[in-house]
Amino acid sequence: MAVPKKKVSKARRDKRRSNVWKLELPGMAKCPKCGEYNLAHRVCKKCGTYDGKVVVEKKEA
């Protein structure tokens, strides 16, 4: 049977596994009303619209 001759160090083991855990950029979309970038399929934080309809009323500062 194939058995490792030497112990694999923690650094070498972790280097091998490092690229598995990379995070990807979430899908960002531009709001058609205000142009602000936000996560796709979610209410815009700036103007409160989703799918062209006002979902959350925003108070003007």
Protein backbone atom coordinates (compact mmCIF):
# COMPACT_ATOMS: atom_id res chain seq x y z
CA MET A 1 0.00 0.00 0.00
CA ALA A 2 1.05 3.58 -0.62
CA VAL A 3 2.06 5.13 2.68
CA PRO A 4 3.70 8.57 3.07
CA LYS A 5 7.39 8.31 4.02
CA LYS A 6 7.42 11.59 5.95
CA LYS A 7 4.85 13.61 7.88
CA VAL A 8 3.24 16.39 5.84
CA SER A 9 3.74 19.65 7.72
CA LYS A 10 0.77 21.83 8.66
CA ALA A 11 2.05 24.64 6.42
CA ARG A 12 2.34 22.36 3.38
CA ARG A 13 -1.06 20.81 4.07
CA ASP A 14 -2.72 24.20 4.50
CA LYS A 15 -1.08 25.59 1.34
CA ARG A 16 -2.58 22.74 -0.62
CA ARG A 17 -6.06 23.40 0.78
CA SER A 18 -5.94 27.20 0.61
CA ASN A 19 -7.58 27.73 -2.79
CA VAL A 20 -10.67 25.71 -1.82
CA TRP A 21 -11.95 28.37 0.57
CA LYS A 22 -11.75 31.47 -1.65
CA LEU A 23 -14.85 33.64 -1.49
CA GLU A 24 -16.42 34.88 -4.70
CA LEU A 25 -17.80 38.33 -5.25
CA PRO A 26 -21.59 38.28 -4.80
CA GLY A 27 -23.77 39.20 -7.78
CA MET A 28 -24.05 42.97 -7.73
CA ALA A 29 -26.64 44.81 -9.81
CA LYS A 30 -27.29 48.48 -10.49
CA CYS A 31 -30.57 49.90 -9.27
CA PRO A 32 -32.53 51.14 -12.32
CA LYS A 33 -34.01 54.05 -10.34
CA CYS A 34 -31.05 55.54 -8.44
CA GLY A 35 -28.04 53.75 -9.98
CA GLU A 36 -26.71 52.49 -6.65
CA TYR A 37 -25.05 49.04 -6.61
CA ASN A 38 -26.73 46.44 -4.40
CA LEU A 39 -27.12 42.67 -4.17
CA ALA A 40 -29.24 41.15 -6.92
CA HIS A 41 -32.87 40.23 -6.11
CA ARG A 42 -32.96 42.45 -3.03
CA VAL A 43 -34.55 45.80 -2.12
CA CYS A 44 -32.33 48.80 -2.86
CA LYS A 45 -31.05 50.27 0.40
CA LYS A 46 -30.86 53.80 -0.95
CA CYS A 47 -34.27 54.29 -2.61
CA GLY A 48 -36.27 51.28 -1.27
CA THR A 49 -37.45 49.93 -4.65
CA TYR A 50 -37.57 46.39 -5.99
CA ASP A 51 -38.64 45.36 -9.50
CA GLY A 52 -39.66 48.96 -10.29
CA LYS A 53 -42.01 49.23 -7.31
CA VAL A 54 -41.53 51.13 -4.03
CA VAL A 55 -41.37 48.50 -1.32
CA VAL A 56 -39.87 50.46 1.59
CA GLU A 57 -40.69 54.11 2.16
CA LYS A 58 -37.49 56.10 2.69
CA LYS A 59 -37.51 59.33 4.69
CA GLU A 60 -35.57 62.22 3.18
CA ALA A 61 -32.84 63.53 5.47
